Amino acid sequence: MFLQLAHTRTPVFQVSKKFMLECCRITKDFPADERPVMVRQTRRAALSVHLNIAEACSRKSEAERKRFFEISRGSLIEIYTAVDIACNLKYKNEEEVQLLGDYLISTFKQLTGLIG
């Protein structure tokens, strides 16, 4: 946006942004009693995925980059688990979360490749 940094054009950064925005869209109509817990945690984790990818791209050492990518991947698993629970509680069905799942899989595969 302001700095036009190279990492913003990478496929993993671009898909993680779509993933984060889709997490916000999906959780928007969760029940009100879930807002302080599940919605907040899911959105926080989704933002963490995206921000840790950005942070990794700013690191000079490969070990540091991999560590931030690992943190991002861990947050993806956290969100997967939350969405699975949300589907079990009938807040969403599998069809409603399909696009989110596609972004999750793409981000996970790319992070795994970057971690090596």
N, C-alpha and C. Protein backbone atom coordinates (compact mmCIF):
# COMPACT_ATOMS: atom_id res chain seq x y z
N MET A 1 0.82 -1.18 0.00
CA MET A 1 0.00 0.00 0.00
C MET A 1 0.87 1.26 0.00
N PHE A 2 1.62 1.48 1.07
CA PHE A 2 2.46 2.67 1.12
C PHE A 2 3.87 2.41 0.60
N LEU A 3 4.45 1.28 1.01
CA LEU A 3 5.85 1.02 0.70
C LEU A 3 6.08 0.24 -0.59
N GLN A 4 5.07 -0.44 -1.11
CA GLN A 4 5.23 -1.23 -2.34
C GLN A 4 6.36 -2.25 -2.21
N LEU A 5 6.39 -2.98 -1.11
CA LEU A 5 7.44 -3.96 -0.87
C LEU A 5 7.20 -5.22 -1.71
N ALA A 6 8.27 -5.89 -2.05
CA ALA A 6 8.21 -7.05 -2.95
C ALA A 6 7.35 -8.19 -2.40
N HIS A 7 7.37 -8.39 -1.09
CA HIS A 7 6.62 -9.52 -0.53
C HIS A 7 5.11 -9.41 -0.76
N THR A 8 4.61 -8.20 -0.98
CA THR A 8 3.17 -8.03 -1.18
C THR A 8 2.71 -8.62 -2.51
N ARG A 9 3.66 -8.92 -3.38
CA ARG A 9 3.32 -9.53 -4.67
C ARG A 9 3.52 -11.04 -4.68
N THR A 10 3.97 -11.60 -3.57
CA THR A 10 4.18 -13.05 -3.53
C THR A 10 2.85 -13.78 -3.43
N PRO A 11 2.76 -14.95 -4.04
CA PRO A 11 1.50 -15.71 -3.98
C PRO A 11 1.04 -16.02 -2.56
N VAL A 12 1.96 -16.36 -1.66
CA VAL A 12 1.55 -16.71 -0.29
C VAL A 12 0.99 -15.49 0.43
N PHE A 13 1.55 -14.34 0.22
CA PHE A 13 1.04 -13.12 0.85
C PHE A 13 -0.34 -12.78 0.30
N GLN A 14 -0.50 -12.90 -1.00
CA GLN A 14 -1.77 -12.56 -1.62
C GLN A 14 -2.89 -13.50 -1.18
N VAL A 15 -2.62 -14.81 -1.12
CA VAL A 15 -3.67 -15.75 -0.73
C VAL A 15 -3.95 -15.65 0.77
N SER A 16 -2.94 -15.34 1.57
CA SER A 16 -3.19 -15.20 3.01
C SER A 16 -4.06 -13.98 3.29
N LYS A 17 -3.94 -12.96 2.47
CA LYS A 17 -4.81 -11.78 2.63
C LYS A 17 -6.26 -12.16 2.29
N LYS A 18 -6.45 -12.90 1.22
CA LYS A 18 -7.80 -13.37 0.87
C LYS A 18 -8.36 -14.25 1.97
N PHE A 19 -7.50 -15.11 2.52
CA PHE A 19 -7.90 -15.99 3.61
C PHE A 19 -8.36 -15.18 4.82
N MET A 20 -7.58 -14.18 5.19
CA MET A 20 -7.92 -13.35 6.33
C MET A 20 -9.26 -12.64 6.13
N LEU A 21 -9.45 -12.06 4.95
CA LEU A 21 -10.70 -11.36 4.66
C LEU A 21 -11.90 -12.32 4.66
N GLU A 22 -11.69 -13.53 4.16
CA GLU A 22 -12.76 -14.53 4.16
C GLU A 22 -13.09 -14.97 5.59
N CYS A 23 -12.09 -15.07 6.45
CA CYS A 23 -12.35 -15.39 7.87
C CYS A 23 -13.25 -14.32 8.50
N CYS A 24 -12.97 -13.08 8.20
CA CYS A 24 -13.80 -11.98 8.73
C CYS A 24 -15.21 -12.07 8.19
N ARG A 25 -15.34 -12.37 6.90
CA ARG A 25 -16.67 -12.47 6.30
C ARG A 25 -17.46 -13.62 6.92
N ILE A 26 -16.83 -14.77 7.06
CA ILE A 26 -17.50 -15.97 7.58
C ILE A 26 -17.96 -15.77 9.02
N THR A 27 -17.13 -15.15 9.83
CA THR A 27 -17.46 -15.01 11.25
C THR A 27 -18.41 -13.85 11.54
N LYS A 28 -18.68 -13.04 10.54
CA LYS A 28 -19.51 -11.85 10.73
C LYS A 28 -20.89 -12.18 11.29
N ASP A 29 -21.46 -13.30 10.87
CA ASP A 29 -22.81 -13.62 11.34
C ASP A 29 -22.86 -14.81 12.30
N PHE A 30 -21.74 -15.08 12.98
CA PHE A 30 -21.77 -16.05 14.07
C PHE A 30 -22.69 -15.50 15.16
N PRO A 31 -23.21 -16.36 16.01
CA PRO A 31 -24.08 -15.89 17.09
C PRO A 31 -23.38 -14.84 17.97
N ALA A 32 -24.16 -13.91 18.48
CA ALA A 32 -23.61 -12.81 19.28
C ALA A 32 -22.81 -13.30 20.49
N ASP A 33 -23.24 -14.41 21.08
CA ASP A 33 -22.52 -14.91 22.26
C ASP A 33 -21.15 -15.49 21.91
N GLU A 34 -20.88 -15.70 20.61
CA GLU A 34 -19.57 -16.18 20.18
C GLU A 34 -18.61 -15.05 19.84
N ARG A 35 -19.10 -13.83 19.75
CA ARG A 35 -18.25 -12.70 19.36
C ARG A 35 -17.05 -12.50 20.30
N PRO A 36 -17.26 -12.55 21.62
CA PRO A 36 -16.09 -12.30 22.47
C PRO A 36 -15.07 -13.44 22.47
N VAL A 37 -15.45 -14.61 22.01
CA VAL A 37 -14.54 -15.75 22.10
C VAL A 37 -14.15 -16.24 20.70
N MET A 38 -15.03 -17.00 20.07
CA MET A 38 -14.68 -17.66 18.81
C MET A 38 -14.42 -16.66 17.69
N VAL A 39 -15.25 -15.65 17.55
CA VAL A 39 -15.05 -14.68 16.46
C VAL A 39 -13.74 -13.93 16.65
N ARG A 40 -13.54 -13.43 17.85
CA ARG A 40 -12.33 -12.66 18.11
C ARG A 40 -11.07 -13.51 17.92
N GLN A 41 -11.08 -14.73 18.43
CA GLN A 41 -9.90 -15.60 18.33
C GLN A 41 -9.62 -16.00 16.88
N THR A 42 -10.68 -16.31 16.14
CA THR A 42 -10.51 -16.71 14.74
C THR A 42 -9.95 -15.55 13.91
N ARG A 43 -10.49 -14.39 14.11
CA ARG A 43 -9.99 -13.22 13.37
C ARG A 43 -8.57 -12.86 13.77
N ARG A 44 -8.27 -12.97 15.05
CA ARG A 44 -6.92 -12.67 15.52
C ARG A 44 -5.92 -13.64 14.90
N ALA A 45 -6.29 -14.91 14.86
CA ALA A 45 -5.41 -15.92 14.27
C ALA A 45 -5.24 -15.70 12.77
N ALA A 46 -6.33 -15.31 12.09
CA ALA A 46 -6.24 -15.05 10.65
C ALA A 46 -5.33 -13.87 10.36
N LEU A 47 -5.43 -12.83 11.17
CA LEU A 47 -4.55 -11.69 11.00
C LEU A 47 -3.10 -12.10 11.30
N SER A 48 -2.93 -12.97 12.29
CA SER A 48 -1.60 -13.47 12.64
C SER A 48 -0.95 -14.21 11.47
N VAL A 49 -1.73 -14.99 10.74
CA VAL A 49 -1.20 -15.69 9.57
C VAL A 49 -0.60 -14.68 8.60
N HIS A 50 -1.39 -13.69 8.27
CA HIS A 50 -0.98 -12.69 7.28
C HIS A 50 0.20 -11.84 7.78
N LEU A 51 0.12 -11.41 9.03
CA LEU A 51 1.19 -10.56 9.56
C LEU A 51 2.51 -11.31 9.73
N ASN A 52 2.44 -12.57 10.11
CA ASN A 52 3.68 -13.34 10.27
C ASN A 52 4.33 -13.65 8.93
N ILE A 53 3.53 -13.78 7.89
CA ILE A 53 4.11 -13.94 6.55
C ILE A 53 4.86 -12.65 6.17
N ALA A 54 4.24 -11.51 6.44
CA ALA A 54 4.91 -10.23 6.15
C ALA A 54 6.19 -10.11 6.97
N GLU A 55 6.11 -10.46 8.24
CA GLU A 55 7.29 -10.39 9.11
C GLU A 55 8.40 -11.30 8.60
N ALA A 56 8.04 -12.51 8.19
CA ALA A 56 9.04 -13.46 7.67
C ALA A 56 9.77 -12.88 6.47
N CYS A 57 9.03 -12.23 5.62
CA CYS A 57 9.63 -11.68 4.39
C CYS A 57 10.61 -10.55 4.68
N SER A 58 10.52 -9.95 5.86
CA SER A 58 11.44 -8.86 6.20
C SER A 58 12.72 -9.35 6.86
N ARG A 59 12.78 -10.64 7.17
CA ARG A 59 13.94 -11.20 7.88
C ARG A 59 15.05 -11.58 6.92
N LYS A 60 16.27 -11.35 7.35
CA LYS A 60 17.44 -11.67 6.52
C LYS A 60 17.82 -13.15 6.61
N SER A 61 17.71 -13.72 7.79
CA SER A 61 18.16 -15.10 7.97
C SER A 61 17.05 -16.08 7.59
N GLU A 62 17.46 -17.15 6.94
CA GLU A 62 16.51 -18.19 6.53
C GLU A 62 15.84 -18.83 7.74
N ALA A 63 16.60 -19.04 8.81
CA ALA A 63 16.04 -19.64 10.02
C ALA A 63 14.94 -18.77 10.62
N GLU A 64 15.16 -17.46 10.63
CA GLU A 64 14.13 -16.55 11.14
C GLU A 64 12.90 -16.57 10.25
N ARG A 65 13.10 -16.54 8.94
CA ARG A 65 11.97 -16.58 8.01
C ARG A 65 11.14 -17.83 8.24
N LYS A 66 11.82 -18.96 8.33
CA LYS A 66 11.11 -20.23 8.53
C LYS A 66 10.32 -20.22 9.83
N ARG A 67 10.87 -19.64 10.87
CA ARG A 67 10.17 -19.60 12.16
C ARG A 67 8.87 -18.82 12.04
N PHE A 68 8.88 -17.69 11.36
CA PHE A 68 7.65 -16.91 11.18
C PHE A 68 6.66 -17.65 10.28
N PHE A 69 7.17 -18.35 9.28
CA PHE A 69 6.28 -19.16 8.44
C PHE A 69 5.65 -20.29 9.26
N GLU A 70 6.42 -20.88 10.18
CA GLU A 70 5.88 -21.93 11.05
C GLU A 70 4.79 -21.39 11.97
N ILE A 71 4.99 -20.19 12.49
CA ILE A 71 3.96 -19.56 13.32
C ILE A 71 2.69 -19.35 12.51
N SER A 72 2.84 -18.89 11.27
CA SER A 72 1.68 -18.70 10.39
C SER A 72 0.95 -20.01 10.17
N ARG A 73 1.71 -21.06 9.92
CA ARG A 73 1.10 -22.37 9.67
C ARG A 73 0.35 -22.86 10.92
N GLY A 74 0.91 -22.62 12.08
CA GLY A 74 0.24 -22.99 13.32
C GLY A 74 -1.08 -22.25 13.49
N SER A 75 -1.11 -20.99 13.13
CA SER A 75 -2.35 -20.22 13.20
C SER A 75 -3.38 -20.74 12.21
N LEU A 76 -2.94 -21.22 11.06
CA LEU A 76 -3.87 -21.84 10.10
C LEU A 76 -4.56 -23.05 10.72
N ILE A 77 -3.81 -23.88 11.42
CA ILE A 77 -4.37 -25.06 12.07
C ILE A 77 -5.36 -24.64 13.14
N GLU A 78 -5.05 -23.59 13.86
CA GLU A 78 -5.96 -23.05 14.88
C GLU A 78 -7.29 -22.64 14.25
N ILE A 79 -7.23 -21.96 13.11
CA ILE A 79 -8.45 -21.52 12.44
C ILE A 79 -9.22 -22.71 11.88
N TYR A 80 -8.51 -23.66 11.30
CA TYR A 80 -9.16 -24.87 10.80
C TYR A 80 -9.97 -25.52 11.92
N THR A 81 -9.39 -25.61 13.09
CA THR A 81 -10.04 -26.23 14.22
C THR A 81 -11.27 -25.43 14.65
N ALA A 82 -11.16 -24.11 14.69
CA ALA A 82 -12.29 -23.26 15.07
C ALA A 82 -13.43 -23.37 14.06
N VAL A 83 -13.10 -23.40 12.78
CA VAL A 83 -14.13 -23.50 11.74
C VAL A 83 -14.81 -24.87 11.78
N ASP A 84 -14.04 -25.90 12.07
CA ASP A 84 -14.60 -27.24 12.22
C ASP A 84 -15.62 -27.26 13.37
N ILE A 85 -15.27 -26.64 14.49
CA ILE A 85 -16.19 -26.55 15.63
C ILE A 85 -17.43 -25.73 15.23
N ALA A 86 -17.22 -24.62 14.53
CA ALA A 86 -18.34 -23.78 14.10
C ALA A 86 -19.30 -24.57 13.21
N CYS A 87 -18.77 -25.41 12.34
CA CYS A 87 -19.62 -26.24 11.49
C CYS A 87 -20.36 -27.29 12.32
N ASN A 88 -19.68 -27.88 13.28
CA ASN A 88 -20.33 -28.86 14.16
C ASN A 88 -21.45 -28.22 14.98
N LEU A 89 -21.29 -26.95 15.33
CA LEU A 89 -22.31 -26.23 16.08
C LEU A 89 -23.39 -25.64 15.17
N LYS A 90 -23.24 -25.89 13.87
CA LYS A 90 -24.21 -25.43 12.86
C LYS A 90 -24.24 -23.91 12.67
N TYR A 91 -23.12 -23.25 12.98
CA TYR A 91 -23.03 -21.81 12.69
C TYR A 91 -22.84 -21.61 11.19
N LYS A 92 -22.17 -22.56 10.57
CA LYS A 92 -21.92 -22.57 9.12
C LYS A 92 -21.98 -24.02 8.66
N ASN A 93 -22.22 -24.20 7.36
CA ASN A 93 -22.12 -25.55 6.81
C ASN A 93 -20.89 -25.62 5.90
N GLU A 94 -20.57 -26.83 5.48
CA GLU A 94 -19.35 -27.02 4.69
C GLU A 94 -19.34 -26.21 3.40
N GLU A 95 -20.50 -26.07 2.79
CA GLU A 95 -20.58 -25.30 1.55
C GLU A 95 -20.24 -23.82 1.81
N GLU A 96 -20.69 -23.29 2.93
CA GLU A 96 -20.44 -21.89 3.25
C GLU A 96 -18.97 -21.60 3.55
N VAL A 97 -18.24 -22.62 3.96
CA VAL A 97 -16.82 -22.40 4.30
C VAL A 97 -15.88 -22.96 3.24
N GLN A 98 -16.40 -23.36 2.11
CA GLN A 98 -15.58 -23.98 1.07
C GLN A 98 -14.49 -23.03 0.56
N LEU A 99 -14.83 -21.79 0.28
CA LEU A 99 -13.83 -20.84 -0.22
C LEU A 99 -12.74 -20.62 0.83
N LEU A 100 -13.14 -20.50 2.08
CA LEU A 100 -12.18 -20.37 3.16
C LEU A 100 -11.25 -21.59 3.17
N GLY A 101 -11.82 -22.77 3.03
CA GLY A 101 -11.02 -23.99 2.99
C GLY A 101 -10.04 -24.01 1.84
N ASP A 102 -10.47 -23.53 0.69
CA ASP A 102 -9.57 -23.46 -0.47
C ASP A 102 -8.39 -22.54 -0.19
N TYR A 103 -8.66 -21.37 0.39
CA TYR A 103 -7.59 -20.44 0.73
C TYR A 103 -6.68 -21.03 1.81
N LEU A 104 -7.27 -21.72 2.77
CA LEU A 104 -6.49 -22.35 3.84
C LEU A 104 -5.52 -23.38 3.26
N ILE A 105 -6.03 -24.24 2.40
CA ILE A 105 -5.18 -25.28 1.79
C ILE A 105 -4.06 -24.66 0.97
N SER A 106 -4.39 -23.65 0.18
CA SER A 106 -3.38 -23.00 -0.65
C SER A 106 -2.30 -22.35 0.22
N THR A 107 -2.73 -21.63 1.24
CA THR A 107 -1.77 -20.98 2.13
C THR A 107 -0.91 -22.01 2.85
N PHE A 108 -1.54 -23.07 3.35
CA PHE A 108 -0.82 -24.13 4.06
C PHE A 108 0.24 -24.78 3.16
N LYS A 109 -0.13 -25.10 1.94
CA LYS A 109 0.82 -25.75 1.01
C LYS A 109 1.99 -24.82 0.69
N GLN A 110 1.69 -23.56 0.46
CA GLN A 110 2.76 -22.62 0.13
C GLN A 110 3.71 -22.42 1.33
N LEU A 111 3.13 -22.30 2.52
CA LEU A 111 3.97 -22.16 3.71
C LEU A 111 4.83 -23.39 3.92
N THR A 112 4.26 -24.57 3.72
CA THR A 112 5.01 -25.81 3.87
C THR A 112 6.19 -25.83 2.91
N GLY A 113 5.96 -25.39 1.67
CA GLY A 113 7.04 -25.31 0.69
C GLY A 113 8.12 -24.32 1.09
N LEU A 114 7.72 -23.21 1.69
CA LEU A 114 8.70 -22.20 2.10
C LEU A 114 9.49 -22.65 3.33
N ILE A 115 8.87 -23.47 4.16
CA ILE A 115 9.56 -23.97 5.34
C ILE A 115 10.56 -25.06 4.95
N GLY A 116 10.18 -25.83 3.95
CA GLY A 116 11.08 -26.86 3.43
C GLY A 116 11.06 -28.08 4.20
